[in-house]
Amino acid sequence: MINSMQDSYDDVSNIHRRYTLTLINPSSRIHSLALSLIVTTLLVATVVFGYLKSDDFIVRLAAVLAILASTQYLDSCYSKNKEYSKSLHMSLFGNILWLVILLSGILAVTVLSKSEASIFYVIEGMFLFAGFRIGLFTTVFGASMKKAWAACFIQPLAMFLALVPMNLWTKILEPQTFLIGFTFLGIATVWSYLTDRAGKPGVKSTHKLVQAYLVSKSKNDSSEMESLMEEVSKKSKITTRQIRLCSQDNKTDFRMVIPEIHPGPFHPVGGSNIPYLIYKNMGSSAMVMHGVSDHSLNLPSQEEVESYLRSLTDYSVPQKGLTCTEPVTVQINKGRAVGLLFDKTAVLFLSLSPHGMEDIPSSIKSEIDQFSKNRNFSQVLIVDCHNAMGGEISQNNSEDLLKAAKSCLETLITKETYPLEFGYANSDAMKVNSTDLALGGLGVLCLSINKKKYFLGWADANNMQNGIREYVVNHFTKNGHALLEICTSDSHYSVTPARNKHGYYQFGATSKPQQIADWYLDIAKNAEKNINTGYYEILENSSNVKVMGSTIFQDYSKALDRALKITQVFALGTIGFFISTLFL
């Protein structure tokens, strides 16, 4: 289990790195169209002035631009989802490739002291453009190889015929030119065939995986991606634990939810927005925490999400009471543990903030569970605060976190218990809107224990900017309040697509620290006003749902790695072959 969680983290991190390759596209179709016009204008100028030595630039430019616009629309018809933006991107990068070939031809003429730039390079660029289109039609557009071959010449050939005088058109059919051109098309065909099979046997079609991912991102349509993931997901028994705080008159009901499932894999697929859905399911009076789990416990589809949410109404109540201890905070080097004890059930909040880490590994939970049994705790509910960005937890930090957790539990045993008073408030009425927050917004729980008030902050967000937690804690201290921790839900919901290496905005990436601190303090004051004497219940629920498991990420990661290696080999081979043609 320990190794599987670590492997899952490595695979997901690798997939995230591959995700950055999608960021090279322009951010909108307007940008793509504008850049296409600029590149095509340069391409026409290079052909007219550099190769043809002609003066009919305006006429040929007008003809080529008209063809460009019409063929860009026509290309979108070959897309499985009729996406015009993809055809614009393909046109842009294809024309950039053609322009590079033309400039390379002129450079070769200069270096090799040739008399003039041959029209051969214009034709060669056209064939490379067509081969490039075969690759994109089969991988991104979802076209069959037959359709890709049928469509690959539509734009390049039409542009060539408008660019070059009619008496030069037959140059395409010269044996050497024809053979070289179709060699590039053959390379593209073989590349497409091999990359599509790169993920076998785990991934039947790498191209379908890429297409499903792009559709989910560009059209906010998760159906194709969820269908692929659900095929290989398996049923598993998932435990969800809650601490329910309820006022004596039963009018106030708050839940601290610690699910075993993990948000993800990415918006809008599967359980990416599961923290908010649980939050709404609890009447917007809840904090949905990040438990000790990783992406292997993702729900693969909306259907499984709905099944899981329905199951939450069926739970047992193994423990209830009227009292709890004051909180205990233990800091050992970077590791910090904050704990509360409800009779024999302890709640631990673990963090390395401001230093950060990825998901807490199951090895830490296993050791804490064993330690707690030896100390006669009935159970320990562990919350991964997930409140600072970082990588895999190091051995030293892991040991410090464990020491802090054990010391905290040892201290809790000695603490007196006091009547429970609590108050809760959220940001729903404040209309807090920020691209680094998900739909659940912010929440604050106020615990009044032994005439002292302690606050716990929550954000429906995917992690936090390093140092934000400390900034807010300091702001609370200056205003006479004790903020124990801030936790995030690790939601994978995204208000707007994030064009960065993470694929999301962590809380604090776009919101200012002072703004965040003021939000929390305002909510804390409202929570303080809502304090009531109450009781607690420990709720336990078991759900039988499909989860993605760790092998799916291994398969996806391997498929992408193999496809990328194949691409690198073919790219180097194509470049080498092209360079050799410059000497002809």
Protein backbone atom coordinates (compact mmCIF):
# COMPACT_ATOMS: atom_id res chain seq x y z
CA MET A 1 0.00 0.00 0.00
CA ILE A 2 2.85 2.40 0.85
CA ASN A 3 4.58 1.77 -2.44
CA SER A 4 1.33 2.02 -4.39
CA MET A 5 0.59 5.46 -2.96
CA GLN A 6 4.09 6.65 -3.82
CA ASP A 7 3.92 5.16 -7.31
CA SER A 8 0.55 6.83 -7.82
CA TYR A 9 2.03 10.18 -6.78
CA ASP A 10 4.95 9.74 -9.20
CA ASP A 11 2.66 8.77 -12.08
CA VAL A 12 0.27 11.68 -11.49
CA SER A 13 3.21 14.09 -11.24
CA ASN A 14 4.54 12.75 -14.54
CA ILE A 15 1.13 13.21 -16.18
CA HIS A 16 1.06 16.79 -14.87
CA ARG A 17 4.45 17.41 -16.50
CA ARG A 18 3.12 16.09 -19.81
CA TYR A 19 0.10 18.37 -19.39
CA THR A 20 2.39 21.40 -19.81
CA LEU A 21 2.90 20.41 -23.46
CA THR A 22 -0.70 21.50 -24.10
CA LEU A 23 0.13 25.03 -22.97
CA ILE A 24 2.03 25.85 -26.18
CA ASN A 25 -1.28 26.52 -27.94
CA PRO A 26 -2.48 30.14 -28.05
CA SER A 27 -4.91 30.87 -25.23
CA SER A 28 -7.83 31.64 -27.58
CA ARG A 29 -8.99 31.19 -31.17
CA ILE A 30 -8.63 34.96 -31.71
CA HIS A 31 -4.93 34.80 -30.83
CA SER A 32 -4.49 31.73 -33.01
CA LEU A 33 -6.23 33.37 -35.97
CA ALA A 34 -4.21 36.58 -35.62
CA LEU A 35 -0.94 34.69 -35.44
CA SER A 36 -1.96 32.57 -38.45
CA LEU A 37 -2.48 35.73 -40.50
CA ILE A 38 0.92 37.09 -39.47
CA VAL A 39 2.77 33.82 -40.17
CA THR A 40 0.99 33.31 -43.50
CA THR A 41 1.85 36.85 -44.57
CA LEU A 42 5.52 36.15 -43.81
CA LEU A 43 5.28 32.84 -45.66
CA VAL A 44 3.84 34.50 -48.78
CA ALA A 45 6.48 37.25 -48.64
CA THR A 46 9.25 34.64 -48.38
CA VAL A 47 7.98 32.70 -51.39
CA VAL A 48 7.26 35.75 -53.57
CA PHE A 49 10.42 37.71 -52.82
CA GLY A 50 12.84 34.94 -51.81
CA TYR A 51 11.95 32.20 -54.28
CA LEU A 52 9.94 33.64 -57.15
CA LYS A 53 11.66 37.05 -57.28
CA SER A 54 8.26 38.41 -58.21
CA ASP A 55 6.34 41.63 -57.48
CA ASP A 56 2.77 40.25 -57.24
CA PHE A 57 2.83 39.98 -53.45
CA ILE A 58 -0.55 41.62 -52.80
CA VAL A 59 -2.43 39.47 -55.30
CA ARG A 60 -0.95 36.21 -54.01
CA LEU A 61 -1.39 37.24 -50.39
CA ALA A 62 -5.08 37.98 -50.94
CA ALA A 63 -5.58 34.62 -52.65
CA VAL A 64 -3.69 32.68 -49.97
CA LEU A 65 -5.52 34.39 -47.09
CA ALA A 66 -8.87 33.61 -48.70
CA ILE A 67 -7.84 29.97 -49.04
CA LEU A 68 -6.53 29.96 -45.47
CA ALA A 69 -9.85 31.15 -44.05
CA SER A 70 -11.97 28.72 -46.06
CA THR A 71 -9.76 25.67 -45.43
CA GLN A 72 -9.52 26.40 -41.71
CA TYR A 73 -13.30 26.13 -41.53
CA LEU A 74 -13.31 23.05 -43.76
CA ASP A 75 -10.72 21.36 -41.52
CA SER A 76 -13.01 21.73 -38.52
CA CYS A 77 -15.53 19.51 -40.30
CA TYR A 78 -13.05 16.65 -40.06
CA SER A 79 -12.89 17.04 -36.28
CA LYS A 80 -14.95 14.53 -34.34
CA ASN A 81 -16.45 17.40 -32.33
CA LYS A 82 -16.33 20.05 -35.09
CA GLU A 83 -13.93 22.25 -33.09
CA TYR A 84 -12.91 25.29 -35.07
CA SER A 85 -10.25 26.33 -32.56
CA LYS A 86 -8.32 23.09 -33.17
CA SER A 87 -8.26 23.70 -36.91
CA LEU A 88 -6.92 27.21 -36.26
CA HIS A 89 -4.15 25.87 -34.03
CA MET A 90 -3.25 23.19 -36.60
CA SER A 91 -3.14 25.81 -39.35
CA LEU A 92 -0.93 28.10 -37.27
CA PHE A 93 1.68 25.50 -36.38
CA GLY A 94 1.60 23.93 -39.85
CA ASN A 95 2.31 27.28 -41.47
CA ILE A 96 5.06 27.99 -38.96
CA LEU A 97 6.64 24.67 -39.97
CA TRP A 98 6.35 25.57 -43.67
CA LEU A 99 7.90 29.01 -43.03
CA VAL A 100 10.82 27.41 -41.19
CA ILE A 101 11.43 25.08 -44.17
CA LEU A 102 11.42 28.05 -46.56
CA LEU A 103 13.87 30.03 -44.45
CA SER A 104 16.08 26.94 -44.10
CA GLY A 105 16.12 26.63 -47.90
CA ILE A 106 17.24 30.25 -48.28
CA LEU A 107 19.88 29.71 -45.61
CA ALA A 108 21.11 26.58 -47.44
CA VAL A 109 21.43 28.57 -50.67
CA THR A 110 23.60 31.12 -48.87
CA VAL A 111 25.77 28.60 -47.02
CA LEU A 112 26.20 26.22 -49.96
CA SER A 113 26.71 29.07 -52.45
CA LYS A 114 23.88 27.93 -54.73
CA SER A 115 22.76 30.24 -57.52
CA GLU A 116 19.17 30.63 -56.31
CA ALA A 117 16.56 29.22 -53.96
CA SER A 118 14.85 26.29 -55.66
CA ILE A 119 11.08 25.90 -55.76
CA PHE A 120 11.86 22.40 -54.45
CA TYR A 121 11.97 23.80 -50.90
CA VAL A 122 8.49 25.31 -51.27
CA ILE A 123 7.16 21.92 -52.36
CA GLU A 124 9.08 20.13 -49.61
CA GLY A 125 7.57 22.48 -47.03
CA MET A 126 4.12 21.75 -48.42
CA PHE A 127 4.65 18.00 -48.01
CA LEU A 128 5.97 18.43 -44.46
CA PHE A 129 2.91 20.56 -43.69
CA ALA A 130 0.69 17.78 -45.07
CA GLY A 131 2.52 15.15 -42.99
CA PHE A 132 2.14 17.30 -39.90
CA ARG A 133 -1.60 17.42 -40.59
CA ILE A 134 -1.80 13.61 -40.81
CA GLY A 135 -0.35 13.45 -37.31
CA LEU A 136 -2.80 16.00 -35.88
CA PHE A 137 -5.85 14.66 -37.69
CA THR A 138 -5.31 11.18 -36.24
CA THR A 139 -4.23 12.19 -32.73
CA VAL A 140 -6.16 15.36 -31.89
CA PHE A 141 -9.08 15.41 -34.34
CA GLY A 142 -9.97 11.73 -33.97
CA ALA A 143 -10.01 11.13 -37.74
CA SER A 144 -9.24 7.72 -39.22
CA MET A 145 -6.05 7.30 -41.21
CA LYS A 146 -8.06 7.28 -44.47
CA LYS A 147 -9.73 10.58 -43.59
CA ALA A 148 -6.41 12.04 -42.47
CA TRP A 149 -4.84 11.20 -45.84
CA ALA A 150 -7.86 12.59 -47.66
CA ALA A 151 -7.68 15.88 -45.73
CA CYS A 152 -3.94 16.32 -45.30
CA PHE A 153 -3.44 18.19 -48.61
CA ILE A 154 -6.54 20.42 -48.43
CA GLN A 155 -4.85 23.49 -46.99
CA PRO A 156 -1.19 23.04 -48.03
CA LEU A 157 -1.93 22.16 -51.67
CA ALA A 158 -4.55 24.90 -52.08
CA MET A 159 -2.11 27.46 -50.66
CA PHE A 160 0.69 26.15 -52.90
CA LEU A 161 -1.44 26.51 -56.03
CA ALA A 162 -2.24 30.11 -55.08
CA LEU A 163 1.38 30.87 -54.21
CA VAL A 164 3.17 29.43 -57.20
CA PRO A 165 2.63 30.24 -60.90
CA MET A 166 0.81 27.57 -62.89
CA ASN A 167 3.84 26.70 -64.99
CA LEU A 168 5.63 25.48 -61.83
CA TRP A 169 2.84 23.23 -60.54
CA THR A 170 4.20 20.19 -62.37
CA LYS A 171 7.38 20.40 -60.28
CA ILE A 172 5.46 18.43 -57.64
CA LEU A 173 5.44 15.39 -59.92
CA GLU A 174 9.19 15.29 -60.55
CA PRO A 175 10.37 11.84 -59.34
CA GLN A 176 12.89 13.04 -56.75
CA THR A 177 10.54 15.69 -55.31
CA PHE A 178 7.58 13.30 -55.32
CA LEU A 179 9.58 10.55 -53.58
CA ILE A 180 10.93 12.87 -50.88
CA GLY A 181 7.50 14.38 -50.29
CA PHE A 182 5.78 11.04 -49.85
CA THR A 183 8.59 9.89 -47.57
CA PHE A 184 7.52 12.62 -45.15
CA LEU A 185 3.90 11.45 -45.42
CA GLY A 186 5.00 7.86 -44.78
CA ILE A 187 6.96 8.93 -41.69
CA ALA A 188 3.86 10.71 -40.34
CA THR A 189 1.71 7.63 -41.02
CA VAL A 190 4.06 5.22 -39.25
CA TRP A 191 4.47 7.67 -36.34
CA SER A 192 0.70 7.90 -35.94
CA TYR A 193 0.34 4.11 -36.00
CA LEU A 194 3.02 3.56 -33.35
CA THR A 195 2.00 6.35 -30.97
CA ASP A 196 -1.61 5.17 -30.98
CA ARG A 197 -0.42 1.76 -29.76
CA ALA A 198 2.20 3.11 -27.36
CA GLY A 199 0.08 2.46 -24.27
CA LYS A 200 -0.90 -1.15 -24.96
CA PRO A 201 -1.96 -3.33 -23.26
CA GLY A 202 -3.03 -0.94 -20.47
CA VAL A 203 -4.27 1.79 -22.82
CA LYS A 204 -5.98 0.48 -25.96
CA SER A 205 -5.61 3.75 -27.88
CA THR A 206 -3.32 6.58 -26.79
CA HIS A 207 -4.95 8.82 -29.38
CA LYS A 208 -8.42 8.27 -27.89
CA LEU A 209 -7.00 9.11 -24.46
CA VAL A 210 -5.54 12.37 -25.78
CA GLN A 211 -8.78 13.21 -27.62
CA ALA A 212 -10.93 12.53 -24.55
CA TYR A 213 -8.66 14.71 -22.42
CA LEU A 214 -8.77 17.60 -24.90
CA VAL A 215 -12.56 17.38 -25.22
CA SER A 216 -12.96 17.47 -21.45
CA LYS A 217 -10.76 20.57 -21.27
CA SER A 218 -11.93 22.49 -24.33
CA LYS A 219 -15.65 21.65 -24.29
CA ASN A 220 -16.13 20.96 -20.58
CA ASP A 221 -17.49 17.56 -21.61
CA SER A 222 -16.33 14.75 -19.33
CA SER A 223 -18.28 11.88 -20.91
CA GLU A 224 -15.51 10.45 -23.14
CA MET A 225 -12.83 10.65 -20.47
CA GLU A 226 -15.10 9.17 -17.81
CA SER A 227 -16.05 6.31 -20.12
CA LEU A 228 -12.37 5.41 -20.61
CA MET A 229 -11.63 5.59 -16.88
CA GLU A 230 -14.71 3.70 -15.76
CA GLU A 231 -13.80 0.77 -18.02
CA VAL A 232 -10.74 0.01 -15.89
CA SER A 233 -12.02 1.16 -12.47
CA LYS A 234 -12.98 -1.36 -9.81
CA LYS A 235 -15.48 -1.50 -6.97
CA SER A 236 -14.03 -0.77 -3.56
CA LYS A 237 -15.31 -0.26 -0.02
CA ILE A 238 -14.73 3.38 0.93
CA THR A 239 -15.10 4.73 4.46
CA THR A 240 -16.24 8.26 5.25
CA ARG A 241 -16.09 9.61 8.79
CA GLN A 242 -17.74 12.72 10.12
CA ILE A 243 -17.72 14.73 13.31
CA ARG A 244 -21.19 16.14 13.67
CA LEU A 245 -21.57 19.13 15.99
CA CYS A 246 -25.16 19.91 16.88
CA SER A 247 -26.74 22.51 19.15
CA GLN A 248 -28.88 21.31 22.02
CA ASP A 249 -32.02 22.57 20.27
CA ASN A 250 -30.93 20.73 17.07
CA LYS A 251 -31.28 23.92 15.02
CA THR A 252 -27.56 24.16 14.26
CA ASP A 253 -25.87 21.24 12.56
CA PHE A 254 -22.23 21.31 11.43
CA ARG A 255 -20.22 18.47 9.86
CA MET A 256 -16.48 17.99 9.62
CA VAL A 257 -16.22 15.39 6.87
CA ILE A 258 -13.11 13.26 6.35
CA PRO A 259 -13.70 11.13 3.24
CA GLU A 260 -11.41 8.33 2.19
CA ILE A 261 -11.94 9.24 -1.45
CA HIS A 262 -9.63 11.73 -3.14
CA PRO A 263 -10.77 14.68 -5.29
CA GLY A 264 -9.81 14.42 -8.94
CA PRO A 265 -8.47 13.49 -11.34
CA PHE A 266 -9.02 16.91 -12.98
CA HIS A 267 -11.88 19.30 -13.73
CA PRO A 268 -14.54 18.49 -14.91
CA VAL A 269 -13.96 14.72 -14.85
CA GLY A 270 -15.19 12.29 -12.19
CA GLY A 271 -14.99 13.43 -8.58
CA SER A 272 -12.98 16.57 -9.30
CA ASN A 273 -15.61 18.72 -7.55
CA ILE A 274 -16.55 16.16 -4.88
CA PRO A 275 -15.72 18.40 -1.84
CA TYR A 276 -18.25 21.02 -2.92
CA LEU A 277 -20.88 18.38 -3.71
CA ILE A 278 -20.45 16.90 -0.23
CA TYR A 279 -20.56 20.43 1.22
CA LYS A 280 -23.89 21.12 -0.52
CA ASN A 281 -25.14 17.69 0.52
CA MET A 282 -24.52 18.75 4.13
CA GLY A 283 -26.59 21.93 3.75
CA SER A 284 -23.52 24.17 3.20
CA SER A 285 -22.66 23.76 6.89
CA ALA A 286 -19.58 21.61 6.60
CA MET A 287 -15.85 21.45 6.11
CA VAL A 288 -14.81 18.69 3.73
CA MET A 289 -11.27 17.81 4.69
CA HIS A 290 -8.50 16.00 2.85
CA GLY A 291 -7.94 12.62 4.49
CA VAL A 292 -4.99 10.30 4.02
CA SER A 293 -5.63 9.31 0.41
CA ASP A 294 -4.21 9.74 -3.06
CA HIS A 295 -5.39 9.77 -6.67
CA SER A 296 -5.90 6.00 -6.73
CA LEU A 297 -9.09 6.76 -4.75
CA ASN A 298 -10.57 9.07 -7.40
CA LEU A 299 -14.15 8.44 -8.45
CA PRO A 300 -14.06 7.95 -12.25
CA SER A 301 -17.47 9.30 -13.28
CA GLN A 302 -20.43 11.48 -12.32
CA GLU A 303 -22.49 8.31 -11.94
CA GLU A 304 -20.16 7.04 -9.22
CA VAL A 305 -20.17 10.48 -7.58
CA GLU A 306 -23.96 10.40 -7.36
CA SER A 307 -23.86 6.86 -5.98
CA TYR A 308 -21.36 7.92 -3.33
CA LEU A 309 -23.38 11.00 -2.30
CA ARG A 310 -26.55 8.93 -1.93
CA SER A 311 -24.72 6.46 0.31
CA LEU A 312 -23.76 9.19 2.82
CA THR A 313 -27.28 9.16 4.27
CA ASP A 314 -26.69 5.64 5.60
CA TYR A 315 -24.30 5.81 8.56
CA SER A 316 -23.70 4.46 12.05
CA VAL A 317 -23.06 6.50 15.21
CA PRO A 318 -20.43 4.61 17.25
CA GLN A 319 -19.83 7.51 19.64
CA LYS A 320 -21.49 10.67 20.94
CA GLY A 321 -20.90 13.05 23.82
CA LEU A 322 -21.06 16.54 25.28
CA THR A 323 -17.43 17.35 25.96
CA CYS A 324 -14.00 17.61 24.38
CA THR A 325 -10.52 18.76 25.33
CA GLU A 326 -8.81 22.01 24.57
CA PRO A 327 -6.72 21.77 21.40
CA VAL A 328 -3.06 20.78 21.60
CA THR A 329 -0.44 22.01 19.13
CA VAL A 330 2.95 20.33 18.80
CA GLN A 331 5.67 21.59 16.45
CA ILE A 332 8.78 19.49 15.81
CA ASN A 333 11.07 21.11 13.24
CA LYS A 334 8.87 21.49 10.13
CA GLY A 335 6.23 19.01 11.30
CA ARG A 336 3.14 20.30 13.09
CA ALA A 337 0.23 18.44 14.65
CA VAL A 338 -2.90 20.04 16.09
CA GLY A 339 -5.20 17.73 18.03
CA LEU A 340 -8.57 17.54 19.76
CA LEU A 341 -9.95 14.65 21.79
CA PHE A 342 -13.62 13.68 21.83
CA ASP A 343 -13.73 11.03 24.54
CA LYS A 344 -11.69 8.20 22.94
CA THR A 345 -11.66 9.63 19.40
CA ALA A 346 -8.85 12.00 18.53
CA VAL A 347 -8.72 14.37 15.57
CA LEU A 348 -5.28 15.28 14.24
CA PHE A 349 -4.51 18.05 11.76
CA LEU A 350 -1.09 17.47 10.17
CA SER A 351 0.91 20.03 8.21
CA LEU A 352 4.39 21.09 7.14
CA SER A 353 3.30 24.63 6.27
CA PRO A 354 4.92 26.91 5.22
CA HIS A 355 7.25 24.30 3.68
CA GLY A 356 4.63 22.12 2.02
CA MET A 357 4.32 18.56 0.78
CA GLU A 358 2.20 16.34 -1.40
CA ASP A 359 -0.44 13.98 0.04
CA ILE A 360 0.44 12.40 3.40
CA PRO A 361 1.50 8.79 2.69
CA SER A 362 -0.41 5.87 4.18
CA SER A 363 2.72 4.81 6.11
CA ILE A 364 2.25 7.76 8.47
CA LYS A 365 -1.41 6.91 9.03
CA SER A 366 -0.58 3.24 9.68
CA GLU A 367 1.99 4.13 12.32
CA ILE A 368 -0.31 6.65 14.01
CA ASP A 369 -3.14 4.09 14.05
CA GLN A 370 -0.89 1.49 15.69
CA PHE A 371 0.36 4.02 18.24
CA SER A 372 -3.18 5.10 19.10
CA LYS A 373 -4.31 1.51 19.67
CA ASN A 374 -1.46 1.03 22.11
CA ARG A 375 -2.71 4.12 24.00
CA ASN A 376 -6.34 2.89 24.06
CA PHE A 377 -7.79 5.44 21.65
CA SER A 378 -10.83 4.07 19.84
CA GLN A 379 -9.67 5.79 16.65
CA VAL A 380 -7.72 8.76 15.29
CA LEU A 381 -9.21 10.84 12.49
CA ILE A 382 -6.33 12.29 10.48
CA VAL A 383 -6.71 15.44 8.41
CA ASP A 384 -4.08 16.30 5.82
CA CYS A 385 -4.25 20.11 6.03
CA HIS A 386 -2.95 20.39 2.46
CA ASN A 387 -2.07 24.03 3.05
CA ALA A 388 1.30 24.55 1.35
CA MET A 389 2.74 23.54 -2.01
CA GLY A 390 5.47 20.90 -2.03
CA GLY A 391 6.67 17.59 -3.37
CA GLU A 392 6.96 14.11 -1.95
CA ILE A 393 7.52 14.25 1.82
CA SER A 394 11.14 13.57 2.78
CA GLN A 395 12.18 10.95 5.31
CA ASN A 396 13.23 13.60 7.86
CA ASN A 397 9.97 15.55 7.53
CA SER A 398 8.00 12.32 7.73
CA GLU A 399 9.72 11.39 10.98
CA ASP A 400 9.18 14.87 12.43
CA LEU A 401 5.49 14.78 11.50
CA LEU A 402 5.13 11.40 13.18
CA LYS A 403 6.90 12.61 16.31
CA ALA A 404 4.64 15.66 16.46
CA ALA A 405 1.52 13.49 16.00
CA LYS A 406 2.54 11.02 18.70
CA SER A 407 3.49 13.78 21.13
CA CYS A 408 0.16 15.47 20.49
CA LEU A 409 -1.75 12.25 21.24
CA GLU A 410 0.26 11.66 24.40
CA THR A 411 -0.63 15.17 25.61
CA LEU A 412 -4.31 14.83 24.71
CA ILE A 413 -4.61 11.81 27.00
CA THR A 414 -3.70 14.01 29.97
CA LYS A 415 -6.11 16.85 29.11
CA GLU A 416 -9.35 17.55 30.96
CA THR A 417 -12.60 17.67 29.03
CA TYR A 418 -15.02 20.57 29.01
CA PRO A 419 -18.55 21.23 27.74
CA LEU A 420 -18.62 21.73 23.99
CA GLU A 421 -19.64 25.06 22.51
CA PHE A 422 -19.28 25.87 18.85
CA GLY A 423 -20.19 28.31 16.11
CA TYR A 424 -19.81 28.13 12.34
CA ALA A 425 -19.97 30.61 9.48
CA ASN A 426 -19.06 30.56 5.80
CA SER A 427 -18.48 32.98 2.95
CA ASP A 428 -21.72 32.24 1.10
CA ALA A 429 -23.28 35.60 1.95
CA MET A 430 -20.05 37.48 1.23
CA LYS A 431 -20.05 36.62 -2.49
CA VAL A 432 -16.33 35.85 -2.45
CA ASN A 433 -15.27 35.22 -6.04
CA SER A 434 -11.73 34.26 -6.91
CA THR A 435 -10.15 32.04 -9.55
CA ASP A 436 -8.15 30.21 -6.86
CA LEU A 437 -11.26 29.14 -4.93
CA ALA A 438 -13.78 26.44 -5.79
CA LEU A 439 -17.53 26.71 -5.31
CA GLY A 440 -17.55 25.94 -1.56
CA GLY A 441 -15.70 29.15 -0.72
CA LEU A 442 -14.41 29.65 2.81
CA GLY A 443 -15.55 28.52 6.23
CA VAL A 444 -14.55 29.02 9.86
CA LEU A 445 -15.41 26.87 12.89
CA CYS A 446 -15.23 28.52 16.30
CA LEU A 447 -14.78 26.22 19.31
CA SER A 448 -15.40 27.68 22.76
CA ILE A 449 -13.74 25.36 25.30
CA ASN A 450 -12.99 26.21 28.94
CA LYS A 451 -13.95 29.85 28.24
CA LYS A 452 -11.34 30.11 25.48
CA LYS A 453 -12.09 30.48 21.79
CA TYR A 454 -10.24 28.66 19.03
CA PHE A 455 -10.78 28.99 15.30
CA LEU A 456 -10.30 26.53 12.45
CA GLY A 457 -10.27 27.83 8.86
CA TRP A 458 -11.22 25.97 5.68
CA ALA A 459 -11.04 26.70 1.97
CA ASP A 460 -12.57 24.77 -0.89
CA ALA A 461 -9.37 24.99 -2.91
CA ASN A 462 -6.56 22.92 -4.37
CA ASN A 463 -3.79 23.51 -1.84
CA MET A 464 -2.45 26.91 -0.72
CA GLN A 465 0.33 29.27 -1.65
CA ASN A 466 3.22 28.77 0.77
CA GLY A 467 3.13 31.26 3.64
CA ILE A 468 -0.57 32.18 3.33
CA ARG A 469 -1.47 30.13 6.39
CA GLU A 470 1.18 31.92 8.49
CA TYR A 471 0.05 35.33 7.23
CA VAL A 472 -3.55 34.66 8.26
CA VAL A 473 -2.57 33.17 11.64
CA ASN A 474 -0.51 36.27 12.37
CA HIS A 475 -3.42 38.51 11.33
CA PHE A 476 -5.71 36.65 13.76
CA THR A 477 -3.15 36.95 16.58
CA LYS A 478 -2.91 40.71 16.06
CA ASN A 479 -6.68 40.88 16.42
CA GLY A 480 -6.77 38.77 19.59
CA HIS A 481 -7.94 35.51 18.02
CA ALA A 482 -6.34 32.05 18.05
CA LEU A 483 -6.38 30.39 14.63
CA LEU A 484 -5.36 26.74 14.97
CA GLU A 485 -5.08 25.80 11.31
CA ILE A 486 -6.33 26.44 7.81
CA CYS A 487 -7.19 23.37 5.74
CA THR A 488 -8.06 23.01 2.09
CA SER A 489 -10.34 20.46 0.49
CA ASP A 490 -7.88 19.75 -2.36
CA SER A 491 -10.74 20.34 -4.79
CA HIS A 492 -9.81 19.82 -8.43
CA TYR A 493 -12.57 22.13 -9.63
CA SER A 494 -11.35 25.01 -11.77
CA VAL A 495 -13.30 28.24 -12.25
CA THR A 496 -11.14 29.10 -15.25
CA PRO A 497 -8.51 26.96 -17.01
CA ALA A 498 -5.09 27.59 -15.48
CA ARG A 499 -2.31 27.87 -18.05
CA ASN A 500 0.51 26.83 -15.71
CA LYS A 501 2.46 23.68 -14.91
CA HIS A 502 0.00 22.65 -12.16
CA GLY A 503 -3.18 22.97 -14.21
CA TYR A 504 -4.84 24.82 -11.31
CA TYR A 505 -4.49 27.91 -9.13
CA GLN A 506 -3.61 27.17 -5.53
CA PHE A 507 -5.35 29.39 -2.94
CA GLY A 508 -3.30 32.56 -2.74
CA ALA A 509 -2.10 32.37 -6.34
CA THR A 510 -4.52 35.10 -7.43
CA SER A 511 -6.02 36.32 -4.13
CA LYS A 512 -3.87 38.72 -2.10
CA PRO A 513 -2.69 37.64 1.40
CA GLN A 514 -4.27 40.63 3.14
CA GLN A 515 -7.54 40.08 1.31
CA ILE A 516 -7.57 36.43 2.38
CA ALA A 517 -6.75 37.36 6.00
CA ASP A 518 -9.58 39.90 6.06
CA TRP A 519 -12.03 37.36 4.62
CA TYR A 520 -11.20 34.81 7.29
CA LEU A 521 -11.36 37.32 10.14
CA ASP A 522 -14.79 38.56 9.02
CA ILE A 523 -16.10 34.99 8.81
CA ALA A 524 -14.55 34.16 12.21
CA LYS A 525 -16.41 37.07 13.83
CA ASN A 526 -19.67 35.74 12.37
CA ALA A 527 -18.87 32.22 13.62
CA GLU A 528 -18.21 33.67 17.08
CA LYS A 529 -21.65 35.29 17.08
CA ASN A 530 -23.24 31.89 16.33
CA ILE A 531 -21.80 30.04 19.34
CA ASN A 532 -24.17 27.52 20.94
CA THR A 533 -23.79 24.83 23.54
CA GLY A 534 -23.98 21.51 21.82
CA TYR A 535 -23.04 17.86 21.54
CA TYR A 536 -21.01 15.82 19.10
CA GLU A 537 -21.51 12.58 17.22
CA ILE A 538 -18.94 10.49 15.40
CA LEU A 539 -20.53 9.20 12.18
CA GLU A 540 -19.19 6.35 10.05
CA ASN A 541 -20.29 5.36 6.58
CA SER A 542 -19.21 2.68 4.11
CA SER A 543 -19.77 3.12 0.38
CA ASN A 544 -19.30 0.51 -2.33
CA VAL A 545 -18.20 2.56 -5.34
CA LYS A 546 -15.82 2.32 -8.26
CA VAL A 547 -12.42 3.95 -7.74
CA MET A 548 -9.73 4.45 -10.34
CA GLY A 549 -6.92 2.58 -8.58
CA SER A 550 -3.20 3.16 -9.03
CA THR A 551 -2.67 1.10 -12.20
CA ILE A 552 -4.71 3.47 -14.36
CA PHE A 553 -2.23 6.28 -13.70
CA GLN A 554 0.69 3.93 -14.30
CA ASP A 555 -0.82 2.98 -17.65
CA TYR A 556 -1.56 6.58 -18.64
CA SER A 557 1.90 7.71 -17.57
CA LYS A 558 3.63 4.91 -19.51
CA ALA A 559 1.50 5.56 -22.59
CA LEU A 560 2.43 9.23 -22.62
CA ASP A 561 6.10 8.51 -21.97
CA ARG A 562 6.31 5.93 -24.75
CA ALA A 563 4.42 8.17 -27.17
CA LEU A 564 6.77 11.04 -26.37
CA LYS A 565 9.88 8.87 -26.88
CA ILE A 566 8.52 7.66 -30.23
CA THR A 567 7.84 11.27 -31.18
CA GLN A 568 11.37 12.31 -30.24
CA VAL A 569 12.89 9.52 -32.34
CA PHE A 570 10.73 10.33 -35.36
CA ALA A 571 11.32 14.08 -34.97
CA LEU A 572 15.09 13.57 -34.95
CA GLY A 573 14.85 11.23 -37.93
CA THR A 574 12.68 13.69 -39.87
CA ILE A 575 15.01 16.59 -39.11
CA GLY A 576 18.00 14.51 -40.19
CA PHE A 577 16.29 13.51 -43.43
CA PHE A 578 15.26 17.10 -44.13
CA ILE A 579 18.81 18.40 -43.56
CA SER A 580 20.12 15.84 -46.02
CA THR A 581 17.70 17.17 -48.68
CA LEU A 582 19.21 20.64 -48.35
CA PHE A 583 22.33 19.34 -50.10
CA LEU A 584 20.42 18.16 -53.17
